[in-house]
């Protein structure tokens, strides 16, 4: 599993996850939307921590500075 996420990508995902978490915890969103936001936040945090996004593989996207494709 080769890293395919650069630093900026990881920071943005983490910030989005935090914002979604705040929306859930403050009660701004609830019900099914809160569950969806929670799942998205969890996925964003895990992929940011690993530096790898499986969704980038089919599109051959890599935001790493090396620019190497994800599936090499």
Protein backbone atom coordinates (compact mmCIF):
# COMPACT_ATOMS: atom_id res chain seq x y z
CA UNK A 1 0.00 0.00 0.00
CA UNK A 2 1.88 2.99 -1.32
CA UNK A 3 0.99 6.45 -0.03
CA UNK A 4 -0.97 8.51 -2.54
CA UNK A 5 -1.96 11.54 -0.46
CA UNK A 6 0.15 14.64 -0.05
CA UNK A 7 0.35 16.87 2.99
CA UNK A 8 -2.21 19.43 1.83
CA UNK A 9 -4.71 16.70 0.98
CA UNK A 10 -4.29 15.14 4.41
CA UNK A 11 -4.70 18.47 6.21
CA UNK A 12 -7.84 19.37 4.25
CA UNK A 13 -9.41 15.97 4.96
CA UNK A 14 -8.62 16.30 8.66
CA UNK A 15 -10.14 19.78 8.81
CA UNK A 16 -13.28 18.61 7.00
CA UNK A 17 -13.57 15.69 9.44
CA UNK A 18 -13.26 18.05 12.41
CA UNK A 19 -15.92 20.39 11.00
CA UNK A 20 -18.28 17.48 10.40
CA UNK A 21 -17.64 16.21 13.92
CA UNK A 22 -18.38 19.64 15.40
CA UNK A 23 -21.63 19.83 13.44
CA UNK A 24 -22.67 16.47 14.85
CA UNK A 25 -21.59 17.17 18.43
CA UNK A 26 -23.27 20.58 18.56
CA UNK A 27 -26.54 19.13 17.27
CA UNK A 28 -26.59 21.17 14.05
CA UNK A 29 -27.22 17.95 12.14
CA UNK A 30 -29.08 14.91 13.38
CA UNK A 31 -30.65 11.68 12.21
CA UNK A 32 -29.49 10.03 9.03
CA UNK A 33 -27.45 13.04 7.97
CA UNK A 34 -25.48 12.88 11.23
CA UNK A 35 -24.72 9.21 10.61
CA UNK A 36 -23.55 9.95 7.07
CA UNK A 37 -21.41 12.87 8.26
CA UNK A 38 -19.97 10.65 10.99
CA UNK A 39 -19.00 7.95 8.50
CA UNK A 40 -17.43 10.50 6.16
CA UNK A 41 -15.50 12.06 9.05
CA UNK A 42 -14.23 8.65 10.18
CA UNK A 43 -13.16 7.68 6.67
CA UNK A 44 -11.41 11.02 6.19
CA UNK A 45 -9.54 10.66 9.49
CA UNK A 46 -8.42 7.10 8.74
CA UNK A 47 -7.28 7.87 5.20
CA UNK A 48 -5.48 11.00 6.42
CA UNK A 49 -3.66 9.05 9.11
CA UNK A 50 -2.61 6.34 6.65
CA UNK A 51 -1.77 8.72 3.80
CA UNK A 52 -3.60 6.39 1.43
CA UNK A 53 -6.96 6.80 -0.27
CA UNK A 54 -8.33 3.67 -2.00
CA UNK A 55 -10.69 5.80 -4.11
CA UNK A 56 -7.66 7.36 -5.84
CA UNK A 57 -6.48 4.02 -7.27
CA UNK A 58 -9.01 3.59 -10.13
CA UNK A 59 -8.48 7.20 -11.19
CA UNK A 60 -4.68 6.91 -10.82
CA UNK A 61 -4.57 10.04 -8.68
CA UNK A 62 -1.68 10.86 -6.40
CA UNK A 63 -1.35 14.12 -4.50
CA UNK A 64 2.10 13.19 -3.16
CA UNK A 65 4.91 15.49 -4.18
CA UNK A 66 6.63 12.59 -5.93
CA UNK A 67 3.69 12.42 -8.34
CA UNK A 68 4.00 8.66 -8.59
CA UNK A 69 0.79 6.83 -9.56
CA UNK A 70 -0.83 4.92 -6.73
CA UNK A 71 -0.71 1.48 -8.36
CA UNK A 72 2.96 1.25 -9.38
